[in-house]
């Protein structure tokens, strides 16, 4: 009894087709993953930024954190394009 799935490598064209299909699936998955993680980063930064902006008297640390978050948001949006 063989427990392995037989891969049709008897013909090089079948191998190329399977390899291309596998490459397409992994590339599609990576694009979806990057898009999803960028959206999560944008939402997280937007919530933190709004929380800091609600403060009436922000400290210098809050101002610096707000500048860093704005830059991080700009980078995430530019990288998505």
C-alpha atoms as a PDB file:
ATOM      1  CA  UNK A   1       0.000   0.000   0.000  1.00  0.00           C
ATOM      2  CA  UNK A   2       1.265   3.386  -0.956  1.00  0.00           C
ATOM      3  CA  UNK A   3       0.118   6.358   1.111  1.00  0.00           C
ATOM      4  CA  UNK A   4       1.596   8.957  -1.197  1.00  0.00           C
ATOM      5  CA  UNK A   5      -0.283  10.819  -3.892  1.00  0.00           C
ATOM      6  CA  UNK A   6       1.221  10.008  -7.269  1.00  0.00           C
ATOM      7  CA  UNK A   7       2.475  13.144  -9.010  1.00  0.00           C
ATOM      8  CA  UNK A   8       2.395  12.832 -12.804  1.00  0.00           C
ATOM      9  CA  UNK A   9       5.999  13.636 -13.641  1.00  0.00           C
ATOM     10  CA  UNK A  10       6.221  11.219 -16.549  1.00  0.00           C
ATOM     11  CA  UNK A  11       5.683  14.069 -18.969  1.00  0.00           C
ATOM     12  CA  UNK A  12       7.592  17.320 -18.445  1.00  0.00           C
ATOM     13  CA  UNK A  13       4.590  19.359 -19.609  1.00  0.00           C
ATOM     14  CA  UNK A  14       2.410  17.889 -16.869  1.00  0.00           C
ATOM     15  CA  UNK A  15       5.112  18.798 -14.374  1.00  0.00           C
ATOM     16  CA  UNK A  16       5.272  22.359 -15.715  1.00  0.00           C
ATOM     17  CA  UNK A  17       1.487  22.681 -15.500  1.00  0.00           C
ATOM     18  CA  UNK A  18       1.379  21.453 -11.892  1.00  0.00           C
ATOM     19  CA  UNK A  19       4.292  23.653 -10.915  1.00  0.00           C
ATOM     20  CA  UNK A  20       2.636  26.683 -12.535  1.00  0.00           C
ATOM     21  CA  UNK A  21      -0.635  25.949 -10.763  1.00  0.00           C
ATOM     22  CA  UNK A  22       1.161  25.627  -7.435  1.00  0.00           C
ATOM     23  CA  UNK A  23       3.040  28.869  -8.046  1.00  0.00           C
ATOM     24  CA  UNK A  24      -0.199  30.664  -8.935  1.00  0.00           C
ATOM     25  CA  UNK A  25      -1.915  29.447  -5.759  1.00  0.00           C
ATOM     26  CA  UNK A  26       0.945  30.542  -3.502  1.00  0.00           C
ATOM     27  CA  UNK A  27       1.272  33.938  -5.192  1.00  0.00           C
ATOM     28  CA  UNK A  28      -2.457  34.560  -4.881  1.00  0.00           C
ATOM     29  CA  UNK A  29      -2.348  33.593  -1.220  1.00  0.00           C
ATOM     30  CA  UNK A  30       0.577  35.898  -0.528  1.00  0.00           C
ATOM     31  CA  UNK A  31      -1.168  38.844  -2.217  1.00  0.00           C
ATOM     32  CA  UNK A  32      -4.282  38.271  -0.118  1.00  0.00           C
ATOM     33  CA  UNK A  33      -2.175  37.978   3.055  1.00  0.00           C
ATOM     34  CA  UNK A  34      -0.252  41.210   2.397  1.00  0.00           C
ATOM     35  CA  UNK A  35      -3.442  43.114   1.562  1.00  0.00           C
ATOM     36  CA  UNK A  36      -5.147  41.846   4.725  1.00  0.00           C
ATOM     37  CA  UNK A  37      -2.178  42.623   6.989  1.00  0.00           C
ATOM     38  CA  UNK A  38      -1.869  46.147   5.539  1.00  0.00           C
ATOM     39  CA  UNK A  39      -5.556  46.783   6.193  1.00  0.00           C
ATOM     40  CA  UNK A  40      -5.176  45.569   9.776  1.00  0.00           C
ATOM     41  CA  UNK A  41      -2.185  47.895  10.270  1.00  0.00           C
ATOM     42  CA  UNK A  42      -4.106  50.880   8.875  1.00  0.00           C
ATOM     43  CA  UNK A  43      -7.099  50.207  11.138  1.00  0.00           C
ATOM     44  CA  UNK A  44      -4.896  49.753  14.204  1.00  0.00           C
ATOM     45  CA  UNK A  45      -2.934  52.951  13.552  1.00  0.00           C
ATOM     46  CA  UNK A  46      -6.117  54.921  12.862  1.00  0.00           C
ATOM     47  CA  UNK A  47      -7.604  53.868  16.198  1.00  0.00           C
ATOM     48  CA  UNK A  48      -4.422  54.765  18.121  1.00  0.00           C
ATOM     49  CA  UNK A  49      -4.160  58.092  16.295  1.00  0.00           C
ATOM     50  CA  UNK A  50      -7.763  58.997  17.046  1.00  0.00           C
ATOM     51  CA  UNK A  51      -7.229  58.099  20.708  1.00  0.00           C
ATOM     52  CA  UNK A  52      -4.251  60.442  20.949  1.00  0.00           C
ATOM     53  CA  UNK A  53      -6.081  63.235  19.103  1.00  0.00           C
ATOM     54  CA  UNK A  54      -8.971  63.072  21.603  1.00  0.00           C
ATOM     55  CA  UNK A  55      -6.584  64.199  24.350  1.00  0.00           C
ATOM     56  CA  UNK A  56      -7.097  67.900  25.146  1.00  0.00           C
ATOM     57  CA  UNK A  57      -3.535  68.672  26.267  1.00  0.00           C
ATOM     58  CA  UNK A  58      -1.167  66.259  24.527  1.00  0.00           C
ATOM     59  CA  UNK A  59       2.271  65.887  26.048  1.00  0.00           C
ATOM     60  CA  UNK A  60       5.432  66.065  23.921  1.00  0.00           C
ATOM     61  CA  UNK A  61       5.542  62.279  23.971  1.00  0.00           C
ATOM     62  CA  UNK A  62       1.992  62.143  22.614  1.00  0.00           C
ATOM     63  CA  UNK A  63       2.890  64.617  19.872  1.00  0.00           C
ATOM     64  CA  UNK A  64       5.904  62.522  18.895  1.00  0.00           C
ATOM     65  CA  UNK A  65       3.817  59.356  18.953  1.00  0.00           C
ATOM     66  CA  UNK A  66       1.193  61.060  16.774  1.00  0.00           C
ATOM     67  CA  UNK A  67       3.880  62.076  14.245  1.00  0.00           C
ATOM     68  CA  UNK A  68       5.251  58.532  14.148  1.00  0.00           C
ATOM     69  CA  UNK A  69       1.773  57.069  13.692  1.00  0.00           C
ATOM     70  CA  UNK A  70       1.006  59.508  10.865  1.00  0.00           C
ATOM     71  CA  UNK A  71       4.259  58.547   9.120  1.00  0.00           C
ATOM     72  CA  UNK A  72       3.499  54.847   9.631  1.00  0.00           C
ATOM     73  CA  UNK A  73       0.033  55.345   8.141  1.00  0.00           C
ATOM     74  CA  UNK A  74       1.458  57.168   5.115  1.00  0.00           C
ATOM     75  CA  UNK A  75       4.029  54.412   4.546  1.00  0.00           C
ATOM     76  CA  UNK A  76       1.391  51.669   4.777  1.00  0.00           C
ATOM     77  CA  UNK A  77      -0.879  53.440   2.299  1.00  0.00           C
ATOM     78  CA  UNK A  78       1.981  54.112  -0.132  1.00  0.00           C
ATOM     79  CA  UNK A  79       3.237  50.522   0.099  1.00  0.00           C
ATOM     80  CA  UNK A  80      -0.225  49.185  -0.701  1.00  0.00           C
ATOM     81  CA  UNK A  81      -0.222  51.112  -3.987  1.00  0.00           C
END
